[in-house]
Structures are given as structure tokens and as C-alpha cells.
Amino acid sequence: MPMPPPKATSQSPRDRQVNHEISQIVRALNTQGAQQHTELRALVGADFWDADRFDRALAIAVADGVVVRDADGRLHTV
């Protein structure tokens, strides 16, 4: 008996990728505590991500309220 086709999703592969990147950012902040932008970038290995992916994922995480920036500019989770 053949397998049914996969269920349709409204998320594109790019959306799933940014969700994965946000998860990496959140996990790094949860395990290592508040970080400056450059420290967080290094923690998640963003130098190996495609161009601008880190900044895009971080901007979305901040816009969604998952990550916040404190008065000192350090990033942390809610």
C-alpha cells in the first residue's frame, strides 16, 4: 500500500530554517546567559551561516519578543 503524500504546510523551507536559527539563538542565551551581539554570534557559529542570516533571525526573535535587549545592550531571553 503506497504512503499518502505529506501534509501541506504554509511554511516554506526558508521559514523553517529561520525558526531553527532562532532556536539556536534562544538555546545559546538560555545556556550561557545574556550576551553581547558579537558574543552571541560567535556562540551560535554564525560565521558559518549564510550572509545576514544571523542578523535576520535575531531581528525576528526580538520582534517576536522571544529575545530582548537590556539597557546595556546585552541580549537575553524572556
N, C-alpha and C. Protein backbone atom coordinates (compact mmCIF):
# COMPACT_ATOMS: atom_id res chain seq x y z
N MET A 1 0.85 -1.18 0.00
CA MET A 1 0.00 0.00 0.00
C MET A 1 0.90 1.24 0.00
N PRO A 2 0.67 2.16 -0.93
CA PRO A 2 1.53 3.35 -1.01
C PRO A 2 1.27 4.29 0.16
N MET A 3 2.31 5.07 0.47
CA MET A 3 2.22 6.06 1.54
C MET A 3 1.44 7.27 1.04
N PRO A 4 0.64 7.88 1.90
CA PRO A 4 -0.06 9.10 1.50
C PRO A 4 0.94 10.24 1.33
N PRO A 5 0.59 11.25 0.53
CA PRO A 5 1.50 12.38 0.36
C PRO A 5 1.65 13.14 1.67
N PRO A 6 2.79 13.84 1.85
CA PRO A 6 2.96 14.62 3.08
C PRO A 6 1.90 15.71 3.18
N LYS A 7 1.59 16.07 4.40
CA LYS A 7 0.60 17.13 4.63
C LYS A 7 1.14 18.46 4.13
N ALA A 8 0.25 19.25 3.62
CA ALA A 8 0.63 20.59 3.15
C ALA A 8 0.99 21.46 4.33
N THR A 9 1.94 22.34 4.12
CA THR A 9 2.33 23.28 5.16
C THR A 9 2.37 24.68 4.59
N SER A 10 2.08 25.65 5.40
CA SER A 10 2.14 27.03 4.94
C SER A 10 3.53 27.61 5.12
N GLN A 11 4.43 26.85 5.76
CA GLN A 11 5.79 27.33 5.96
C GLN A 11 6.67 26.91 4.79
N SER A 12 7.45 27.82 4.30
CA SER A 12 8.41 27.49 3.26
C SER A 12 9.66 26.94 3.95
N PRO A 13 10.55 26.28 3.21
CA PRO A 13 11.80 25.81 3.82
C PRO A 13 12.58 26.94 4.48
N ARG A 14 12.53 28.13 3.89
CA ARG A 14 13.24 29.27 4.48
C ARG A 14 12.65 29.62 5.84
N ASP A 15 11.33 29.55 6.00
CA ASP A 15 10.70 29.83 7.28
C ASP A 15 11.15 28.80 8.32
N ARG A 16 11.21 27.54 7.94
CA ARG A 16 11.66 26.51 8.86
C ARG A 16 13.12 26.75 9.25
N GLN A 17 13.92 27.22 8.30
CA GLN A 17 15.33 27.49 8.58
C GLN A 17 15.47 28.63 9.59
N VAL A 18 14.71 29.71 9.42
CA VAL A 18 14.83 30.83 10.36
C VAL A 18 14.33 30.41 11.74
N ASN A 19 13.32 29.55 11.79
CA ASN A 19 12.86 29.05 13.09
C ASN A 19 13.95 28.24 13.77
N HIS A 20 14.68 27.46 12.99
CA HIS A 20 15.80 26.70 13.53
C HIS A 20 16.90 27.64 14.04
N GLU A 21 17.19 28.68 13.29
CA GLU A 21 18.20 29.65 13.69
C GLU A 21 17.80 30.38 14.97
N ILE A 22 16.54 30.75 15.07
CA ILE A 22 16.05 31.39 16.29
C ILE A 22 16.18 30.43 17.47
N SER A 23 15.88 29.17 17.26
CA SER A 23 16.03 28.17 18.32
C SER A 23 17.47 28.08 18.79
N GLN A 24 18.41 28.15 17.87
CA GLN A 24 19.82 28.12 18.24
C GLN A 24 20.19 29.35 19.08
N ILE A 25 19.69 30.50 18.71
CA ILE A 25 19.95 31.74 19.45
C ILE A 25 19.38 31.62 20.86
N VAL A 26 18.13 31.18 20.97
CA VAL A 26 17.47 31.06 22.27
C VAL A 26 18.20 30.04 23.14
N ARG A 27 18.58 28.91 22.57
CA ARG A 27 19.29 27.87 23.33
C ARG A 27 20.63 28.41 23.86
N ALA A 28 21.35 29.15 23.03
CA ALA A 28 22.63 29.73 23.46
C ALA A 28 22.43 30.72 24.60
N LEU A 29 21.41 31.55 24.51
CA LEU A 29 21.14 32.52 25.57
C LEU A 29 20.67 31.82 26.85
N ASN A 30 19.88 30.78 26.72
CA ASN A 30 19.42 30.05 27.90
C ASN A 30 20.55 29.33 28.61
N THR A 31 21.50 28.81 27.87
CA THR A 31 22.60 28.05 28.49
C THR A 31 23.75 28.94 28.94
N GLN A 32 24.00 30.02 28.21
CA GLN A 32 25.17 30.86 28.50
C GLN A 32 24.82 32.19 29.17
N GLY A 33 23.54 32.53 29.24
CA GLY A 33 23.14 33.79 29.84
C GLY A 33 23.21 34.93 28.84
N ALA A 34 22.94 36.12 29.33
CA ALA A 34 22.90 37.32 28.48
C ALA A 34 24.24 37.51 27.77
N GLN A 35 24.16 37.95 26.52
CA GLN A 35 25.35 38.10 25.68
C GLN A 35 25.28 39.38 24.87
N GLN A 36 26.44 39.91 24.56
CA GLN A 36 26.52 40.99 23.58
C GLN A 36 26.32 40.37 22.19
N HIS A 37 25.96 41.18 21.23
CA HIS A 37 25.70 40.73 19.86
C HIS A 37 26.86 39.89 19.32
N THR A 38 28.07 40.38 19.43
CA THR A 38 29.22 39.66 18.86
C THR A 38 29.49 38.35 19.59
N GLU A 39 29.29 38.34 20.91
CA GLU A 39 29.48 37.11 21.68
C GLU A 39 28.45 36.06 21.27
N LEU A 40 27.20 36.49 21.12
CA LEU A 40 26.14 35.57 20.73
C LEU A 40 26.39 35.03 19.33
N ARG A 41 26.81 35.90 18.46
CA ARG A 41 27.14 35.49 17.09
C ARG A 41 28.18 34.38 17.09
N ALA A 42 29.20 34.53 17.91
CA ALA A 42 30.25 33.50 18.00
C ALA A 42 29.71 32.22 18.63
N LEU A 43 28.87 32.34 19.65
CA LEU A 43 28.33 31.15 20.33
C LEU A 43 27.54 30.24 19.39
N VAL A 44 26.78 30.83 18.49
CA VAL A 44 25.96 30.02 17.59
C VAL A 44 26.68 29.66 16.29
N GLY A 45 27.91 30.13 16.14
CA GLY A 45 28.68 29.82 14.93
C GLY A 45 28.16 30.51 13.69
N ALA A 46 27.65 31.72 13.86
CA ALA A 46 27.01 32.44 12.76
C ALA A 46 27.96 32.78 11.62
N ASP A 47 29.26 32.74 11.86
CA ASP A 47 30.21 32.98 10.77
C ASP A 47 30.06 31.93 9.67
N PHE A 48 29.49 30.79 10.01
CA PHE A 48 29.31 29.71 9.05
C PHE A 48 27.90 29.69 8.44
N TRP A 49 27.04 30.61 8.87
CA TRP A 49 25.70 30.73 8.31
C TRP A 49 25.78 31.54 7.02
N ASP A 50 24.75 31.45 6.21
CA ASP A 50 24.69 32.30 5.01
C ASP A 50 24.68 33.77 5.42
N ALA A 51 25.09 34.61 4.50
CA ALA A 51 25.19 36.05 4.76
C ALA A 51 23.90 36.62 5.32
N ASP A 52 24.01 37.38 6.38
CA ASP A 52 22.91 38.12 7.02
C ASP A 52 21.87 37.24 7.70
N ARG A 53 22.06 35.92 7.75
CA ARG A 53 21.08 35.04 8.37
C ARG A 53 20.99 35.27 9.87
N PHE A 54 22.15 35.49 10.52
CA PHE A 54 22.13 35.71 11.96
C PHE A 54 21.36 36.98 12.31
N ASP A 55 21.70 38.06 11.63
CA ASP A 55 21.03 39.34 11.93
C ASP A 55 19.54 39.26 11.64
N ARG A 56 19.15 38.55 10.59
CA ARG A 56 17.73 38.40 10.27
C ARG A 56 17.02 37.58 11.36
N ALA A 57 17.61 36.46 11.74
CA ALA A 57 17.00 35.61 12.77
C ALA A 57 16.91 36.35 14.10
N LEU A 58 17.95 37.08 14.45
CA LEU A 58 17.94 37.84 15.70
C LEU A 58 16.88 38.94 15.65
N ALA A 59 16.76 39.63 14.54
CA ALA A 59 15.76 40.68 14.40
C ALA A 59 14.34 40.11 14.55
N ILE A 60 14.10 38.95 13.97
CA ILE A 60 12.79 38.32 14.09
C ILE A 60 12.54 37.90 15.53
N ALA A 61 13.56 37.34 16.18
CA ALA A 61 13.42 36.91 17.58
C ALA A 61 13.11 38.10 18.48
N VAL A 62 13.74 39.23 18.24
CA VAL A 62 13.49 40.44 19.03
C VAL A 62 12.08 40.97 18.72
N ALA A 63 11.71 41.00 17.45
CA ALA A 63 10.39 41.49 17.06
C ALA A 63 9.27 40.63 17.65
N ASP A 64 9.52 39.32 17.74
CA ASP A 64 8.54 38.40 18.32
C ASP A 64 8.53 38.43 19.85
N GLY A 65 9.50 39.11 20.45
CA GLY A 65 9.58 39.19 21.90
C GLY A 65 10.21 37.98 22.55
N VAL A 66 10.83 37.12 21.77
CA VAL A 66 11.49 35.92 22.30
C VAL A 66 12.83 36.30 22.93
N VAL A 67 13.49 37.28 22.32
CA VAL A 67 14.77 37.79 22.79
C VAL A 67 14.60 39.28 23.05
N VAL A 68 15.16 39.77 24.13
CA VAL A 68 15.10 41.20 24.45
C VAL A 68 16.51 41.73 24.68
N ARG A 69 16.64 43.01 24.48
CA ARG A 69 17.91 43.70 24.69
C ARG A 69 17.78 44.55 25.94
N ASP A 70 18.71 44.41 26.89
CA ASP A 70 18.63 45.18 28.12
C ASP A 70 19.28 46.55 27.93
N ALA A 71 19.31 47.35 28.98
CA ALA A 71 19.84 48.72 28.92
C ALA A 71 21.32 48.75 28.54
N ASP A 72 22.05 47.68 28.85
CA ASP A 72 23.46 47.60 28.50
C ASP A 72 23.70 47.06 27.09
N GLY A 73 22.61 46.75 26.38
CA GLY A 73 22.73 46.23 25.03
C GLY A 73 22.93 44.73 24.95
N ARG A 74 22.88 44.07 26.11
CA ARG A 74 23.04 42.62 26.13
C ARG A 74 21.71 41.96 25.77
N LEU A 75 21.80 40.86 25.06
CA LEU A 75 20.63 40.12 24.62
C LEU A 75 20.35 38.98 25.58
N HIS A 76 19.08 38.75 25.87
CA HIS A 76 18.70 37.61 26.72
C HIS A 76 17.29 37.19 26.40
N THR A 77 16.92 36.01 26.87
CA THR A 77 15.56 35.51 26.63
C THR A 77 14.63 36.05 27.71
N VAL A 78 13.36 35.98 27.41
CA VAL A 78 12.33 36.48 28.32
C VAL A 78 12.09 35.49 29.43
